[in-house]
C-alpha cells in the first residue's frame, strides 16, 4: 500500500526504507516536516524471513 502524501503537512513523501525480501518501499519520510511513516509489514515477506532464520539456526541434539 503506497502513501502519497504526508499526514502532517500534506506534502509528497519520499522513500525511506525498502523491504529486505521483496525490495518494495515499506517506509516513507516527508522532507518538509521530517515525519516518518509507520513501517508497513508484508506478512508473506515476514514468513519467508522467519522460515529462513529457522533453517539457518543450528540444531542441537541432546543425548538421552
Protein backbone atom coordinates (compact mmCIF):
# COMPACT_ATOMS: atom_id res chain seq x y z
CA UNK A 1 0.00 0.00 0.00
CA UNK A 2 1.53 3.30 -1.10
CA UNK A 3 1.04 6.53 0.83
CA UNK A 4 1.49 9.54 -1.45
CA UNK A 5 1.15 12.50 0.92
CA UNK A 6 2.23 13.31 4.47
CA UNK A 7 -0.47 13.08 7.12
CA UNK A 8 1.01 16.06 8.97
CA UNK A 9 1.60 18.65 6.25
CA UNK A 10 0.18 17.16 3.03
CA UNK A 11 3.44 17.30 1.02
CA UNK A 12 4.65 14.41 -1.14
CA UNK A 13 6.51 11.61 0.65
CA UNK A 14 9.83 10.09 -0.40
CA UNK A 15 11.12 6.53 0.01
CA UNK A 16 12.90 5.88 3.29
CA UNK A 17 13.32 2.09 3.54
CA UNK A 18 12.69 -0.95 1.36
CA UNK A 19 11.68 -4.46 2.35
CA UNK A 20 14.71 -6.76 2.56
CA UNK A 21 12.78 -9.61 0.92
CA UNK A 22 10.68 -8.09 -1.91
CA UNK A 23 12.53 -4.76 -2.28
CA UNK A 24 9.29 -2.73 -2.30
CA UNK A 25 9.20 0.52 -0.34
CA UNK A 26 7.74 -0.05 3.11
CA UNK A 27 8.58 3.22 4.88
CA UNK A 28 8.31 6.85 3.71
CA UNK A 29 9.50 10.22 5.02
CA UNK A 30 8.50 13.83 4.48
CA UNK A 31 11.34 16.18 3.52
CA UNK A 32 9.16 19.15 4.50
CA UNK A 33 8.29 18.34 8.14
CA UNK A 34 10.52 15.33 8.87
CA UNK A 35 7.61 12.99 9.57
CA UNK A 36 8.37 9.28 9.04
CA UNK A 37 5.52 6.89 8.20
CA UNK A 38 4.83 3.69 10.08
CA UNK A 39 6.80 0.80 8.59
CA UNK A 40 4.48 -1.39 6.53
CA UNK A 41 4.97 -5.09 7.27
CA UNK A 42 4.44 -7.54 4.43
CA UNK A 43 3.08 -10.72 6.00
CA UNK A 44 4.43 -13.04 3.28
CA UNK A 45 7.90 -11.47 3.48
CA UNK A 46 7.85 -11.82 7.27
CA UNK A 47 7.02 -15.54 6.96
CA UNK A 48 9.79 -16.06 4.39
CA UNK A 49 12.31 -14.28 6.62
CA UNK A 50 11.16 -16.23 9.70
CA UNK A 51 11.40 -19.57 7.86
CA UNK A 52 14.88 -18.69 6.60
CA UNK A 53 16.06 -17.83 10.12
CA UNK A 54 14.68 -21.14 11.44
CA UNK A 55 16.57 -23.07 8.76
CA UNK A 56 19.72 -21.05 9.38
CA UNK A 57 19.91 -21.70 13.14
CA UNK A 58 21.93 -24.73 14.25
CA UNK A 59 20.03 -27.63 15.76
CA UNK A 60 21.49 -29.02 18.95
CA UNK A 61 20.68 -32.63 19.68
CA UNK A 62 21.00 -33.83 23.24
CA UNK A 63 21.86 -37.40 24.13
CA UNK A 64 19.42 -39.16 26.40
